[in-house]
C-alpha atoms as a PDB file:
ATOM      1  CA  MET A   1     -11.058  23.817  11.301  1.00  0.00           C
ATOM      2  CA  ASN A   2      -9.474  26.927  12.747  1.00  0.00           C
ATOM      3  CA  ILE A   3      -5.871  26.659  11.562  1.00  0.00           C
ATOM      4  CA  TYR A   4      -4.721  28.068  14.889  1.00  0.00           C
ATOM      5  CA  ALA A   5      -6.401  25.334  16.943  1.00  0.00           C
ATOM      6  CA  LYS A   6      -4.657  24.994  20.275  1.00  0.00           C
ATOM      7  CA  PRO A   7      -3.317  21.693  21.554  1.00  0.00           C
ATOM      8  CA  GLY A   8      -6.102  19.787  23.257  1.00  0.00           C
ATOM      9  CA  THR A   9      -8.805  21.052  20.882  1.00  0.00           C
ATOM     10  CA  LYS A  10     -11.203  18.338  19.715  1.00  0.00           C
ATOM     11  CA  VAL A  11     -11.705  18.148  15.935  1.00  0.00           C
ATOM     12  CA  VAL A  12     -13.935  15.924  13.775  1.00  0.00           C
ATOM     13  CA  PHE A  13     -12.425  14.084  10.809  1.00  0.00           C
ATOM     14  CA  ILE A  14     -14.391  14.752   7.598  1.00  0.00           C
ATOM     15  CA  GLY A  15     -12.139  12.863   5.189  1.00  0.00           C
ATOM     16  CA  CYS A  16      -8.956  13.318   3.197  1.00  0.00           C
ATOM     17  CA  SER A  17      -8.043  12.689  -0.439  1.00  0.00           C
ATOM     18  CA  ASN A  18      -4.694  11.430  -1.703  1.00  0.00           C
ATOM     19  CA  ASP A  19      -4.196  14.774  -3.477  1.00  0.00           C
ATOM     20  CA  GLN A  20      -4.637  16.622  -0.168  1.00  0.00           C
ATOM     21  CA  LEU A  21      -2.059  14.371   1.480  1.00  0.00           C
ATOM     22  CA  ARG A  22       0.475  14.896  -1.317  1.00  0.00           C
ATOM     23  CA  TRP A  23       0.030  18.696  -1.407  1.00  0.00           C
ATOM     24  CA  GLY A  24       1.706  19.242   1.940  1.00  0.00           C
ATOM     25  CA  SER A  25       3.744  16.023   2.052  1.00  0.00           C
ATOM     26  CA  HIS A  26       1.587  14.840   4.944  1.00  0.00           C
ATOM     27  CA  THR A  27       2.626  11.609   6.621  1.00  0.00           C
ATOM     28  CA  GLY A  28      -0.572  10.566   8.412  1.00  0.00           C
ATOM     29  CA  ARG A  29      -2.644   7.553   7.387  1.00  0.00           C
ATOM     30  CA  PRO A  30      -6.270   8.700   7.025  1.00  0.00           C
ATOM     31  CA  GLU A  31      -7.451   5.104   6.637  1.00  0.00           C
ATOM     32  CA  LEU A  32      -6.760   4.750  10.371  1.00  0.00           C
ATOM     33  CA  LEU A  33      -9.238   7.548  11.195  1.00  0.00           C
ATOM     34  CA  ASN A  34     -13.031   7.296  11.228  1.00  0.00           C
ATOM     35  CA  VAL A  35     -15.052   9.874   9.294  1.00  0.00           C
ATOM     36  CA  GLY A  36     -17.136  11.629  11.942  1.00  0.00           C
ATOM     37  CA  GLY A  37     -14.723  10.584  14.681  1.00  0.00           C
ATOM     38  CA  ALA A  38     -13.414  13.101  17.209  1.00  0.00           C
ATOM     39  CA  TYR A  39      -9.665  13.509  17.648  1.00  0.00           C
ATOM     40  CA  THR A  40      -7.404  15.694  19.799  1.00  0.00           C
ATOM     41  CA  VAL A  41      -5.009  18.238  18.279  1.00  0.00           C
ATOM     42  CA  LYS A  42      -1.451  17.644  19.453  1.00  0.00           C
ATOM     43  CA  ARG A  43      -0.010  20.590  17.501  1.00  0.00           C
ATOM     44  CA  THR A  44      -0.323  22.461  14.207  1.00  0.00           C
ATOM     45  CA  GLU A  45       2.225  23.800  11.714  1.00  0.00           C
ATOM     46  CA  VAL A  46       0.999  26.776   9.687  1.00  0.00           C
ATOM     47  CA  HIS A  47       2.659  27.106   6.257  1.00  0.00           C
ATOM     48  CA  SER A  48       1.989  29.703   3.555  1.00  0.00           C
ATOM     49  CA  SER A  49      -0.576  27.609   1.633  1.00  0.00           C
ATOM     50  CA  TYR A  50      -1.562  24.787   3.988  1.00  0.00           C
ATOM     51  CA  THR A  51      -1.603  23.788   7.641  1.00  0.00           C
ATOM     52  CA  LYS A  52      -0.437  20.479   9.066  1.00  0.00           C
ATOM     53  CA  VAL A  53      -2.386  18.985  11.947  1.00  0.00           C
ATOM     54  CA  PHE A  54      -0.843  16.432  14.289  1.00  0.00           C
ATOM     55  CA  LEU A  55      -3.157  14.345  16.467  1.00  0.00           C
ATOM     56  CA  GLU A  56      -2.705  12.760  19.887  1.00  0.00           C
ATOM     57  CA  GLU A  57      -4.318   9.516  18.710  1.00  0.00           C
ATOM     58  CA  THR A  58      -2.054   8.685  15.747  1.00  0.00           C
ATOM     59  CA  GLU A  59       1.304   9.428  14.129  1.00  0.00           C
ATOM     60  CA  GLY A  60       1.953  11.778  11.226  1.00  0.00           C
ATOM     61  CA  SER A  61       0.399  14.931   9.883  1.00  0.00           C
ATOM     62  CA  PHE A  62      -2.901  15.647   8.150  1.00  0.00           C
ATOM     63  CA  PRO A  63      -4.187  18.675   6.208  1.00  0.00           C
ATOM     64  CA  SER A  64      -6.321  21.020   8.286  1.00  0.00           C
ATOM     65  CA  VAL A  65      -9.096  20.879   5.651  1.00  0.00           C
ATOM     66  CA  SER A  66      -9.691  17.276   6.763  1.00  0.00           C
ATOM     67  CA  PHE A  67     -11.265  18.443  10.032  1.00  0.00           C
ATOM     68  CA  ASP A  68     -14.192  20.489  11.343  1.00  0.00           C
END
């Protein structure tokens, strides 16, 4: 996923490991997302070594590497 994805961009969830969630202290619950499902970017937060993605469809943040 382009880490500078604008709000409204559609992204596809490709999965997320527990280690990826812990790395950036992400708060999203990937078990609520469907692998291969399309979701809408609400906003992103770019940090020095990771990017948090917030989605319109659910609460919390996810690592950008979890999306295409």
